[in-house]
Amino acid sequence: MLVRWFAPAVVLGVLAVGTASAAPIVVAIKDIKFAPCPAAAGKAPVISTNDQSNQPARCYRLTGTATNPAQDPVQDIDVFGRITDASGTAALTRRRIGSIDALPVGTHPVRMDVFLPESAKPPFKIEITRASGSSKASRPDRQDAPPVP
């Protein structure tokens, strides 16, 4: 009788330990600047927002510094916030601005490319509301992600 109760408890305990997930690591991003992306060959990009679909878009490169306060590198960092244009109108209606593949411990320069509608006019203002990732890759199937130093 004890074996019938004990064996399932051990299996459940092993499953619980094996599926434990790490808490998100919050990353601070500051000193953000916008610049047009380097010229790309090919067709002009189009984006879809909540308001309209297939709008002509322009690429802007966001650069800044990010601080990883953890004792381990952070991977798959999702960056959320608001981008407004010169008139105060939301240039991006979705909250996720982009992502950073990997960030070693400490403060390092970062960059992200973001596509904004052609109707959005610079200068842009950005407010980062949240940036967080994990000490383990959350997208291990990605072949293009660089290794964390």
C-alpha atoms as a PDB file:
ATOM      1  CA  MET A   1       0.000   0.000   0.000  1.00  0.00           C
ATOM      2  CA  LEU A   2       2.843   2.395   0.838  1.00  0.00           C
ATOM      3  CA  VAL A   3       4.454   1.753  -2.573  1.00  0.00           C
ATOM      4  CA  ARG A   4       1.257   2.703  -4.406  1.00  0.00           C
ATOM      5  CA  TRP A   5       1.195   6.088  -2.655  1.00  0.00           C
ATOM      6  CA  PHE A   6       4.961   6.736  -2.560  1.00  0.00           C
ATOM      7  CA  ALA A   7       5.797   6.082  -6.242  1.00  0.00           C
ATOM      8  CA  PRO A   8       3.348   8.662  -7.675  1.00  0.00           C
ATOM      9  CA  ALA A   9       4.524  11.217  -5.085  1.00  0.00           C
ATOM     10  CA  VAL A  10       8.146  10.770  -6.192  1.00  0.00           C
ATOM     11  CA  VAL A  11       7.206  11.111  -9.865  1.00  0.00           C
ATOM     12  CA  LEU A  12       5.216  14.289  -9.153  1.00  0.00           C
ATOM     13  CA  GLY A  13       8.097  15.682  -7.105  1.00  0.00           C
ATOM     14  CA  VAL A  14      10.557  15.053  -9.952  1.00  0.00           C
ATOM     15  CA  LEU A  15       8.201  16.686 -12.457  1.00  0.00           C
ATOM     16  CA  ALA A  16       7.760  19.727 -10.226  1.00  0.00           C
ATOM     17  CA  VAL A  17      11.512  20.188  -9.851  1.00  0.00           C
ATOM     18  CA  GLY A  18      12.133  19.649 -13.565  1.00  0.00           C
ATOM     19  CA  THR A  19       9.574  22.212 -14.696  1.00  0.00           C
ATOM     20  CA  ALA A  20      10.413  25.018 -12.276  1.00  0.00           C
ATOM     21  CA  SER A  21      10.936  28.281 -14.137  1.00  0.00           C
ATOM     22  CA  ALA A  22      13.200  31.153 -13.234  1.00  0.00           C
ATOM     23  CA  ALA A  23      11.738  34.521 -12.329  1.00  0.00           C
ATOM     24  CA  PRO A  24      12.089  37.224 -14.997  1.00  0.00           C
ATOM     25  CA  ILE A  25      15.158  39.436 -14.734  1.00  0.00           C
ATOM     26  CA  VAL A  26      14.311  43.120 -15.082  1.00  0.00           C
ATOM     27  CA  VAL A  27      16.712  45.083 -17.297  1.00  0.00           C
ATOM     28  CA  ALA A  28      17.056  48.873 -17.144  1.00  0.00           C
ATOM     29  CA  ILE A  29      17.393  50.639 -20.518  1.00  0.00           C
ATOM     30  CA  LYS A  30      18.379  54.310 -20.729  1.00  0.00           C
ATOM     31  CA  ASP A  31      19.975  56.957 -22.952  1.00  0.00           C
ATOM     32  CA  ILE A  32      17.853  55.873 -25.923  1.00  0.00           C
ATOM     33  CA  LYS A  33      18.424  57.602 -29.249  1.00  0.00           C
ATOM     34  CA  PHE A  34      16.643  57.205 -32.597  1.00  0.00           C
ATOM     35  CA  ALA A  35      18.373  57.213 -35.980  1.00  0.00           C
ATOM     36  CA  PRO A  36      17.279  55.988 -39.406  1.00  0.00           C
ATOM     37  CA  CYS A  37      18.358  52.406 -40.089  1.00  0.00           C
ATOM     38  CA  PRO A  38      21.173  51.899 -42.557  1.00  0.00           C
ATOM     39  CA  ALA A  39      19.819  51.655 -46.094  1.00  0.00           C
ATOM     40  CA  ALA A  40      18.428  48.241 -46.913  1.00  0.00           C
ATOM     41  CA  ALA A  41      18.169  46.768 -50.357  1.00  0.00           C
ATOM     42  CA  GLY A  42      14.842  45.603 -51.649  1.00  0.00           C
ATOM     43  CA  LYS A  43      11.232  46.593 -51.218  1.00  0.00           C
ATOM     44  CA  ALA A  44      10.052  49.216 -48.754  1.00  0.00           C
ATOM     45  CA  PRO A  45       8.635  47.584 -45.603  1.00  0.00           C
ATOM     46  CA  VAL A  46       5.003  47.716 -44.596  1.00  0.00           C
ATOM     47  CA  ILE A  47       3.550  47.218 -41.130  1.00  0.00           C
ATOM     48  CA  SER A  48       0.135  46.657 -39.650  1.00  0.00           C
ATOM     49  CA  THR A  49      -1.045  48.538 -36.590  1.00  0.00           C
ATOM     50  CA  ASN A  50      -4.281  48.327 -34.646  1.00  0.00           C
ATOM     51  CA  ASP A  51      -5.592  51.243 -36.714  1.00  0.00           C
ATOM     52  CA  GLN A  52      -4.601  50.267 -40.256  1.00  0.00           C
ATOM     53  CA  SER A  53      -3.058  47.345 -42.051  1.00  0.00           C
ATOM     54  CA  ASN A  54      -0.231  47.358 -44.582  1.00  0.00           C
ATOM     55  CA  GLN A  55       0.989  50.904 -43.963  1.00  0.00           C
ATOM     56  CA  PRO A  56       4.255  52.058 -45.539  1.00  0.00           C
ATOM     57  CA  ALA A  57       6.899  52.125 -42.821  1.00  0.00           C
ATOM     58  CA  ARG A  58      10.354  53.439 -42.036  1.00  0.00           C
ATOM     59  CA  CYS A  59      13.002  51.647 -40.046  1.00  0.00           C
ATOM     60  CA  TYR A  60      14.580  53.390 -37.078  1.00  0.00           C
ATOM     61  CA  ARG A  61      17.499  52.089 -35.044  1.00  0.00           C
ATOM     62  CA  LEU A  62      17.194  52.563 -31.300  1.00  0.00           C
ATOM     63  CA  THR A  63      20.488  52.648 -29.423  1.00  0.00           C
ATOM     64  CA  GLY A  64      21.084  53.002 -25.708  1.00  0.00           C
ATOM     65  CA  THR A  65      22.564  51.307 -22.682  1.00  0.00           C
ATOM     66  CA  ALA A  66      21.084  48.371 -20.814  1.00  0.00           C
ATOM     67  CA  THR A  67      21.957  47.219 -17.323  1.00  0.00           C
ATOM     68  CA  ASN A  68      21.673  43.597 -16.276  1.00  0.00           C
ATOM     69  CA  PRO A  69      21.666  43.553 -12.444  1.00  0.00           C
ATOM     70  CA  ALA A  70      21.643  39.746 -12.197  1.00  0.00           C
ATOM     71  CA  GLN A  71      24.616  37.481 -11.587  1.00  0.00           C
ATOM     72  CA  ASP A  72      23.947  35.617 -14.841  1.00  0.00           C
ATOM     73  CA  PRO A  73      23.573  36.750 -18.453  1.00  0.00           C
ATOM     74  CA  VAL A  74      19.999  37.539 -19.538  1.00  0.00           C
ATOM     75  CA  GLN A  75      18.523  36.124 -22.743  1.00  0.00           C
ATOM     76  CA  ASP A  76      15.446  36.801 -24.862  1.00  0.00           C
ATOM     77  CA  ILE A  77      14.705  40.239 -23.394  1.00  0.00           C
ATOM     78  CA  ASP A  78      11.299  41.595 -24.410  1.00  0.00           C
ATOM     79  CA  VAL A  79      11.077  45.400 -24.417  1.00  0.00           C
ATOM     80  CA  PHE A  80       7.704  47.078 -23.879  1.00  0.00           C
ATOM     81  CA  GLY A  81       6.845  50.768 -23.929  1.00  0.00           C
ATOM     82  CA  ARG A  82       5.324  53.678 -25.816  1.00  0.00           C
ATOM     83  CA  ILE A  83       6.670  55.618 -28.779  1.00  0.00           C
ATOM     84  CA  THR A  84       5.060  58.951 -29.656  1.00  0.00           C
ATOM     85  CA  ASP A  85       5.852  61.222 -32.576  1.00  0.00           C
ATOM     86  CA  ALA A  86       6.387  65.001 -32.772  1.00  0.00           C
ATOM     87  CA  SER A  87       2.637  65.686 -32.503  1.00  0.00           C
ATOM     88  CA  GLY A  88       2.242  63.464 -29.421  1.00  0.00           C
ATOM     89  CA  THR A  89       0.413  60.758 -31.396  1.00  0.00           C
ATOM     90  CA  ALA A  90       1.233  57.117 -30.695  1.00  0.00           C
ATOM     91  CA  ALA A  91       3.655  56.047 -33.416  1.00  0.00           C
ATOM     92  CA  LEU A  92       3.330  52.408 -32.435  1.00  0.00           C
ATOM     93  CA  THR A  93       0.014  51.098 -31.192  1.00  0.00           C
ATOM     94  CA  ARG A  94       1.336  47.812 -29.867  1.00  0.00           C
ATOM     95  CA  ARG A  95       3.165  47.804 -26.544  1.00  0.00           C
ATOM     96  CA  ARG A  96       6.014  45.447 -27.454  1.00  0.00           C
ATOM     97  CA  ILE A  97       8.714  47.549 -29.057  1.00  0.00           C
ATOM     98  CA  GLY A  98      11.202  44.792 -29.757  1.00  0.00           C
ATOM     99  CA  SER A  99      13.648  42.378 -28.212  1.00  0.00           C
ATOM    100  CA  ILE A 100      17.294  41.974 -27.309  1.00  0.00           C
ATOM    101  CA  ASP A 101      18.781  38.510 -27.847  1.00  0.00           C
ATOM    102  CA  ALA A 102      21.307  38.499 -25.013  1.00  0.00           C
ATOM    103  CA  LEU A 103      22.861  40.793 -22.393  1.00  0.00           C
ATOM    104  CA  PRO A 104      25.901  39.928 -20.275  1.00  0.00           C
ATOM    105  CA  VAL A 105      26.117  40.959 -16.620  1.00  0.00           C
ATOM    106  CA  GLY A 106      26.641  44.712 -16.136  1.00  0.00           C
ATOM    107  CA  THR A 107      25.972  47.739 -18.369  1.00  0.00           C
ATOM    108  CA  HIS A 108      26.376  47.404 -22.132  1.00  0.00           C
ATOM    109  CA  PRO A 109      25.342  49.220 -25.329  1.00  0.00           C
ATOM    110  CA  VAL A 110      22.266  47.774 -27.051  1.00  0.00           C
ATOM    111  CA  ARG A 111      20.381  48.373 -30.278  1.00  0.00           C
ATOM    112  CA  MET A 112      17.027  47.420 -31.747  1.00  0.00           C
ATOM    113  CA  ASP A 113      15.464  48.135 -35.121  1.00  0.00           C
ATOM    114  CA  VAL A 114      11.838  49.232 -34.997  1.00  0.00           C
ATOM    115  CA  PHE A 115       9.483  49.944 -37.901  1.00  0.00           C
ATOM    116  CA  LEU A 116       7.195  52.966 -37.554  1.00  0.00           C
ATOM    117  CA  PRO A 117       4.530  54.192 -39.992  1.00  0.00           C
ATOM    118  CA  GLU A 118       5.730  56.764 -42.539  1.00  0.00           C
ATOM    119  CA  SER A 119       2.993  59.050 -41.203  1.00  0.00           C
ATOM    120  CA  ALA A 120       4.801  59.234 -37.826  1.00  0.00           C
ATOM    121  CA  LYS A 121       7.064  62.270 -37.820  1.00  0.00           C
ATOM    122  CA  PRO A 122      10.265  62.653 -35.805  1.00  0.00           C
ATOM    123  CA  PRO A 123      11.448  63.601 -33.286  1.00  0.00           C
ATOM    124  CA  PHE A 124      10.181  60.577 -31.370  1.00  0.00           C
ATOM    125  CA  LYS A 125       9.763  60.173 -27.650  1.00  0.00           C
ATOM    126  CA  ILE A 126      10.081  56.751 -26.075  1.00  0.00           C
ATOM    127  CA  GLU A 127       9.013  55.541 -22.669  1.00  0.00           C
ATOM    128  CA  ILE A 128      10.177  52.067 -21.691  1.00  0.00           C
ATOM    129  CA  THR A 129       7.603  50.526 -19.372  1.00  0.00           C
ATOM    130  CA  ARG A 130       9.238  47.124 -18.977  1.00  0.00           C
ATOM    131  CA  ALA A 131      12.213  45.129 -20.209  1.00  0.00           C
ATOM    132  CA  SER A 132      12.801  41.655 -18.873  1.00  0.00           C
ATOM    133  CA  GLY A 133      14.285  38.335 -19.860  1.00  0.00           C
ATOM    134  CA  SER A 134      15.468  35.072 -18.399  1.00  0.00           C
ATOM    135  CA  SER A 135      18.763  33.505 -17.416  1.00  0.00           C
ATOM    136  CA  LYS A 136      17.801  30.601 -19.690  1.00  0.00           C
ATOM    137  CA  ALA A 137      16.867  30.816 -23.349  1.00  0.00           C
ATOM    138  CA  SER A 138      13.098  30.878 -23.712  1.00  0.00           C
ATOM    139  CA  ARG A 139      13.395  30.283 -27.453  1.00  0.00           C
ATOM    140  CA  PRO A 140      16.025  27.520 -27.680  1.00  0.00           C
ATOM    141  CA  ASP A 141      14.977  26.587 -31.218  1.00  0.00           C
ATOM    142  CA  ARG A 142      16.288  29.882 -32.616  1.00  0.00           C
ATOM    143  CA  GLN A 143      19.340  29.257 -34.765  1.00  0.00           C
ATOM    144  CA  ASP A 144      20.154  32.960 -35.312  1.00  0.00           C
ATOM    145  CA  ALA A 145      20.522  33.964 -31.660  1.00  0.00           C
ATOM    146  CA  PRO A 146      24.133  34.699 -30.686  1.00  0.00           C
ATOM    147  CA  PRO A 147      25.598  32.951 -27.648  1.00  0.00           C
ATOM    148  CA  VAL A 148      25.740  34.942 -24.422  1.00  0.00           C
ATOM    149  CA  PRO A 149      29.343  35.905 -23.588  1.00  0.00           C
END
